[in-house]
Amino acid sequence: MFISEAFAQTAPAAAAGGAESSLLSLAPLALMFVVLYFIMIRPQMKKQKEHKAMIEALAKGDEVVIGGGVIGRVAKLGESFVHVEVANNVELQVQRGAVIQVLPKGTFK
């Protein structure tokens, strides 16, 4: 009464250009990967490269923002660590990767 009868459908006839139609079906997938690369992957790689260059260019006296939003002045530099002076006689030792931003001179007083 509420369920209608289901009838089987016959299989569609095979297409004449089989290889061509399979390549056309992969085109949207390839296009999605190209768009994904230019919208997401490439800008992220550029940002990582800029951050690495900024970290390598750190110098004593630079005013920086570290991971937790703390502002300070670079007091000492090591190969993998940076000592950031956040107040008089108060230094934090952080990894170089924790430096988020280098501020303009005179920001930190």
C-alpha atoms as a PDB file:
ATOM      1  CA  MET A   1       0.000   0.000   0.000  1.00  0.00           C
ATOM      2  CA  PHE A   2       2.679   2.567   1.034  1.00  0.00           C
ATOM      3  CA  ILE A   3       5.594   0.906  -0.720  1.00  0.00           C
ATOM      4  CA  SER A   4       5.699   1.264  -4.468  1.00  0.00           C
ATOM      5  CA  GLU A   5       7.034  -1.511  -6.606  1.00  0.00           C
ATOM      6  CA  ALA A   6      10.668  -1.270  -7.677  1.00  0.00           C
ATOM      7  CA  PHE A   7      11.643  -2.170 -11.202  1.00  0.00           C
ATOM      8  CA  ALA A   8      15.187  -3.005 -12.250  1.00  0.00           C
ATOM      9  CA  GLN A   9      16.718  -0.764 -14.852  1.00  0.00           C
ATOM     10  CA  THR A  10      18.671  -2.087 -17.773  1.00  0.00           C
ATOM     11  CA  ALA A  11      22.406  -1.340 -17.976  1.00  0.00           C
ATOM     12  CA  PRO A  12      23.308   1.617 -20.213  1.00  0.00           C
ATOM     13  CA  ALA A  13      25.094   0.899 -23.460  1.00  0.00           C
ATOM     14  CA  ALA A  14      28.909   1.192 -23.385  1.00  0.00           C
ATOM     15  CA  ALA A  15      30.299   4.521 -24.569  1.00  0.00           C
ATOM     16  CA  ALA A  16      32.303   4.549 -27.772  1.00  0.00           C
ATOM     17  CA  GLY A  17      35.282   6.580 -26.435  1.00  0.00           C
ATOM     18  CA  GLY A  18      36.137   4.676 -23.209  1.00  0.00           C
ATOM     19  CA  ALA A  19      39.656   6.054 -22.617  1.00  0.00           C
ATOM     20  CA  GLU A  20      38.657   9.609 -23.445  1.00  0.00           C
ATOM     21  CA  SER A  21      35.709   9.592 -21.049  1.00  0.00           C
ATOM     22  CA  SER A  22      37.860   8.250 -18.184  1.00  0.00           C
ATOM     23  CA  LEU A  23      40.378  11.075 -18.704  1.00  0.00           C
ATOM     24  CA  LEU A  24      37.569  13.616 -18.707  1.00  0.00           C
ATOM     25  CA  SER A  25      36.248  12.184 -15.444  1.00  0.00           C
ATOM     26  CA  LEU A  26      39.673  12.753 -13.817  1.00  0.00           C
ATOM     27  CA  ALA A  27      39.905  16.367 -15.000  1.00  0.00           C
ATOM     28  CA  PRO A  28      37.809  17.865 -12.151  1.00  0.00           C
ATOM     29  CA  LEU A  29      39.898  15.982  -9.592  1.00  0.00           C
ATOM     30  CA  ALA A  30      43.144  17.258 -11.107  1.00  0.00           C
ATOM     31  CA  LEU A  31      41.715  20.779 -11.230  1.00  0.00           C
ATOM     32  CA  MET A  32      40.831  20.572  -7.528  1.00  0.00           C
ATOM     33  CA  PHE A  33      44.425  19.630  -6.650  1.00  0.00           C
ATOM     34  CA  VAL A  34      45.798  22.548  -8.697  1.00  0.00           C
ATOM     35  CA  VAL A  35      43.431  24.997  -7.014  1.00  0.00           C
ATOM     36  CA  LEU A  36      44.254  23.528  -3.570  1.00  0.00           C
ATOM     37  CA  TYR A  37      47.973  23.988  -4.244  1.00  0.00           C
ATOM     38  CA  PHE A  38      47.635  27.658  -5.220  1.00  0.00           C
ATOM     39  CA  ILE A  39      45.125  28.569  -2.493  1.00  0.00           C
ATOM     40  CA  MET A  40      46.454  26.650   0.510  1.00  0.00           C
ATOM     41  CA  ILE A  41      49.812  24.935   0.097  1.00  0.00           C
ATOM     42  CA  ARG A  42      51.847  27.590  -1.721  1.00  0.00           C
ATOM     43  CA  PRO A  43      50.951  30.506   0.618  1.00  0.00           C
ATOM     44  CA  GLN A  44      51.703  28.331   3.665  1.00  0.00           C
ATOM     45  CA  MET A  45      55.127  27.408   2.281  1.00  0.00           C
ATOM     46  CA  LYS A  46      55.843  31.103   1.605  1.00  0.00           C
ATOM     47  CA  LYS A  47      54.835  32.023   5.167  1.00  0.00           C
ATOM     48  CA  GLN A  48      57.083  29.291   6.612  1.00  0.00           C
ATOM     49  CA  LYS A  49      60.019  30.532   4.527  1.00  0.00           C
ATOM     50  CA  GLU A  50      59.501  34.117   5.721  1.00  0.00           C
ATOM     51  CA  HIS A  51      59.278  32.981   9.380  1.00  0.00           C
ATOM     52  CA  LYS A  52      62.480  30.960   9.051  1.00  0.00           C
ATOM     53  CA  ALA A  53      64.301  33.955   7.544  1.00  0.00           C
ATOM     54  CA  MET A  54      63.022  36.189  10.360  1.00  0.00           C
ATOM     55  CA  ILE A  55      64.242  33.760  13.036  1.00  0.00           C
ATOM     56  CA  GLU A  56      67.668  33.428  11.403  1.00  0.00           C
ATOM     57  CA  ALA A  57      68.003  37.234  11.231  1.00  0.00           C
ATOM     58  CA  LEU A  58      67.361  37.790  14.955  1.00  0.00           C
ATOM     59  CA  ALA A  59      69.964  39.973  16.639  1.00  0.00           C
ATOM     60  CA  LYS A  60      70.676  41.091  20.171  1.00  0.00           C
ATOM     61  CA  GLY A  61      68.481  44.069  21.056  1.00  0.00           C
ATOM     62  CA  ASP A  62      65.603  43.171  18.724  1.00  0.00           C
ATOM     63  CA  GLU A  63      62.155  43.626  20.230  1.00  0.00           C
ATOM     64  CA  VAL A  64      60.047  40.511  19.732  1.00  0.00           C
ATOM     65  CA  VAL A  65      56.735  38.865  20.550  1.00  0.00           C
ATOM     66  CA  ILE A  66      57.029  35.267  21.724  1.00  0.00           C
ATOM     67  CA  GLY A  67      54.470  32.452  21.651  1.00  0.00           C
ATOM     68  CA  GLY A  68      52.293  33.418  24.610  1.00  0.00           C
ATOM     69  CA  GLY A  69      51.993  37.030  23.482  1.00  0.00           C
ATOM     70  CA  VAL A  70      54.806  38.191  25.749  1.00  0.00           C
ATOM     71  CA  ILE A  71      56.794  41.174  24.478  1.00  0.00           C
ATOM     72  CA  GLY A  72      60.477  41.477  25.230  1.00  0.00           C
ATOM     73  CA  ARG A  73      63.957  42.350  24.023  1.00  0.00           C
ATOM     74  CA  VAL A  74      66.469  39.746  22.838  1.00  0.00           C
ATOM     75  CA  ALA A  75      69.272  39.596  25.420  1.00  0.00           C
ATOM     76  CA  LYS A  76      71.264  36.544  24.283  1.00  0.00           C
ATOM     77  CA  LEU A  77      71.211  34.314  21.244  1.00  0.00           C
ATOM     78  CA  GLY A  78      72.041  30.641  21.074  1.00  0.00           C
ATOM     79  CA  GLU A  79      71.801  28.131  18.256  1.00  0.00           C
ATOM     80  CA  SER A  80      68.352  26.914  19.212  1.00  0.00           C
ATOM     81  CA  PHE A  81      67.392  29.150  22.152  1.00  0.00           C
ATOM     82  CA  VAL A  82      66.879  32.865  22.685  1.00  0.00           C
ATOM     83  CA  HIS A  83      66.965  34.731  25.999  1.00  0.00           C
ATOM     84  CA  VAL A  84      64.254  37.390  25.992  1.00  0.00           C
ATOM     85  CA  GLU A  85      64.338  40.126  28.633  1.00  0.00           C
ATOM     86  CA  VAL A  86      60.734  40.897  29.596  1.00  0.00           C
ATOM     87  CA  ALA A  87      61.515  43.201  32.560  1.00  0.00           C
ATOM     88  CA  ASN A  88      64.557  44.473  34.407  1.00  0.00           C
ATOM     89  CA  ASN A  89      66.661  41.433  35.378  1.00  0.00           C
ATOM     90  CA  VAL A  90      63.932  39.016  34.190  1.00  0.00           C
ATOM     91  CA  GLU A  91      64.844  36.826  31.218  1.00  0.00           C
ATOM     92  CA  LEU A  92      62.871  34.045  29.599  1.00  0.00           C
ATOM     93  CA  GLN A  93      64.678  31.327  27.706  1.00  0.00           C
ATOM     94  CA  VAL A  94      62.601  30.201  24.720  1.00  0.00           C
ATOM     95  CA  GLN A  95      63.185  28.261  21.548  1.00  0.00           C
ATOM     96  CA  ARG A  96      63.841  30.314  18.437  1.00  0.00           C
ATOM     97  CA  GLY A  97      60.637  28.966  16.879  1.00  0.00           C
ATOM     98  CA  ALA A  98      58.614  30.568  19.691  1.00  0.00           C
ATOM     99  CA  VAL A  99      59.406  34.027  18.315  1.00  0.00           C
ATOM    100  CA  ILE A 100      56.311  35.061  16.409  1.00  0.00           C
ATOM    101  CA  GLN A 101      57.099  38.605  15.338  1.00  0.00           C
ATOM    102  CA  VAL A 102      59.895  41.153  15.380  1.00  0.00           C
ATOM    103  CA  LEU A 103      58.561  44.541  16.457  1.00  0.00           C
ATOM    104  CA  PRO A 104      59.779  47.972  15.352  1.00  0.00           C
ATOM    105  CA  LYS A 105      62.416  49.589  17.586  1.00  0.00           C
ATOM    106  CA  GLY A 106      60.994  51.568  20.492  1.00  0.00           C
ATOM    107  CA  THR A 107      57.861  49.442  20.934  1.00  0.00           C
ATOM    108  CA  PHE A 108      59.092  47.777  24.136  1.00  0.00           C
ATOM    109  CA  LYS A 109      60.034  50.253  26.866  1.00  0.00           C
END
